[in-house]
C-alpha atoms as a PDB file:
ATOM      1  CA  MET A   1       0.000   0.000   0.000  1.00  0.00           C
ATOM      2  CA  SER A   2       1.193   3.523  -0.690  1.00  0.00           C
ATOM      3  CA  ASP A   3       2.427   5.730   2.147  1.00  0.00           C
ATOM      4  CA  THR A   4       1.262   8.933   0.464  1.00  0.00           C
ATOM      5  CA  LYS A   5      -1.626  10.629   2.197  1.00  0.00           C
ATOM      6  CA  LYS A   6      -4.790  11.147   0.193  1.00  0.00           C
ATOM      7  CA  HIS A   7      -6.832  14.299   0.764  1.00  0.00           C
ATOM      8  CA  PRO A   8     -10.286  13.608   2.278  1.00  0.00           C
ATOM      9  CA  LEU A   9     -12.026  15.495  -0.568  1.00  0.00           C
ATOM     10  CA  GLU A  10     -10.058  13.837  -3.381  1.00  0.00           C
ATOM     11  CA  ALA A  11     -12.781  11.343  -4.316  1.00  0.00           C
ATOM     12  CA  ASP A  12     -15.766  13.571  -3.434  1.00  0.00           C
ATOM     13  CA  THR A  13     -17.462  14.168  -6.785  1.00  0.00           C
ATOM     14  CA  GLN A  14     -19.990  16.648  -5.389  1.00  0.00           C
ATOM     15  CA  GLU A  15     -17.262  18.905  -3.995  1.00  0.00           C
ATOM     16  CA  ARG A  16     -15.315  18.700  -7.245  1.00  0.00           C
ATOM     17  CA  ALA A  17     -18.406  19.605  -9.280  1.00  0.00           C
ATOM     18  CA  PHE A  18     -19.093  22.541  -6.934  1.00  0.00           C
ATOM     19  CA  PHE A  19     -15.514  23.789  -7.331  1.00  0.00           C
ATOM     20  CA  GLU A  20     -15.424  23.390 -11.110  1.00  0.00           C
ATOM     21  CA  GLY A  21     -18.835  25.054 -11.441  1.00  0.00           C
ATOM     22  CA  ALA A  22     -17.677  28.187  -9.611  1.00  0.00           C
ATOM     23  CA  ALA A  23     -18.366  31.158 -11.838  1.00  0.00           C
ATOM     24  CA  SER A  24     -15.283  33.216 -11.073  1.00  0.00           C
ATOM     25  CA  SER A  25     -11.650  32.762 -10.188  1.00  0.00           C
ATOM     26  CA  ASN A  26     -12.322  34.728  -6.992  1.00  0.00           C
ATOM     27  CA  ALA A  27     -14.844  32.103  -5.896  1.00  0.00           C
ATOM     28  CA  LYS A  28     -12.334  29.337  -6.599  1.00  0.00           C
ATOM     29  CA  ALA A  29      -9.659  31.220  -4.649  1.00  0.00           C
ATOM     30  CA  ALA A  30     -11.987  31.582  -1.673  1.00  0.00           C
ATOM     31  CA  TYR A  31     -12.791  27.860  -1.819  1.00  0.00           C
ATOM     32  CA  ARG A  32      -9.081  26.974  -1.977  1.00  0.00           C
ATOM     33  CA  ARG A  33      -8.315  29.211   0.989  1.00  0.00           C
ATOM     34  CA  ALA A  34     -11.120  27.762   3.125  1.00  0.00           C
ATOM     35  CA  VAL A  35     -10.165  24.162   2.358  1.00  0.00           C
ATOM     36  CA  LEU A  36      -6.472  24.859   2.893  1.00  0.00           C
ATOM     37  CA  ARG A  37      -7.105  26.514   6.275  1.00  0.00           C
ATOM     38  CA  THR A  38      -9.437  23.780   7.525  1.00  0.00           C
ATOM     39  CA  THR A  39      -7.627  20.683   6.236  1.00  0.00           C
ATOM     40  CA  GLY A  40      -4.041  21.880   5.756  1.00  0.00           C
ATOM     41  CA  ALA A  41      -3.869  20.784   2.099  1.00  0.00           C
ATOM     42  CA  LEU A  42      -5.769  20.875  -1.193  1.00  0.00           C
ATOM     43  CA  PRO A  43      -7.113  17.993  -3.269  1.00  0.00           C
ATOM     44  CA  SER A  44      -5.291  17.590  -6.582  1.00  0.00           C
ATOM     45  CA  TRP A  45      -8.243  18.901  -8.618  1.00  0.00           C
ATOM     46  CA  ALA A  46      -8.319  22.169  -6.609  1.00  0.00           C
ATOM     47  CA  GLU A  47      -4.626  23.004  -6.891  1.00  0.00           C
ATOM     48  CA  ARG A  48      -3.641  25.867  -9.140  1.00  0.00           C
ATOM     49  CA  LYS A  49      -2.516  24.700 -12.540  1.00  0.00           C
ATOM     50  CA  ARG A  50       0.247  27.274 -12.737  1.00  0.00           C
ATOM     51  CA  ALA A  51       1.376  29.964 -10.348  1.00  0.00           C
ATOM     52  CA  GLY A  52       0.820  33.579 -11.292  1.00  0.00           C
ATOM     53  CA  ARG A  53      -1.412  35.367 -13.721  1.00  0.00           C
ATOM     54  CA  LYS A  54      -2.454  34.145 -17.114  1.00  0.00           C
ATOM     55  CA  PRO A  55      -0.358  35.619 -19.925  1.00  0.00           C
ATOM     56  CA  LYS A  56      -1.957  38.436 -21.877  1.00  0.00           C
ATOM     57  CA  ALA A  57      -3.145  37.615 -25.347  1.00  0.00           C
ATOM     58  CA  VAL A  58      -0.783  38.790 -28.046  1.00  0.00           C
ATOM     59  CA  ILE A  59      -2.519  40.936 -30.646  1.00  0.00           C
ATOM     60  CA  LYS A  60      -0.950  40.881 -34.081  1.00  0.00           C
ATOM     61  CA  GLU A  61      -0.627  44.252 -35.700  1.00  0.00           C
ATOM     62  CA  GLN A  62      -2.402  44.705 -38.988  1.00  0.00           C
ATOM     63  CA  ALA A  63      -0.149  45.814 -41.847  1.00  0.00           C
END
């Protein structure tokens, strides 16, 4: 058996659907913060994909 600890919400499909259905990134951030403070970790599906802001879209200049 694996010694790695599994987060209690990892297999909870209702919590995952609630998180993924959040309308804004602010709502997801608030969810992450609450779960992190209460459990000490995040389930894999709630972790940020990449740290920092999304890159701005590059607009090609018209000639």
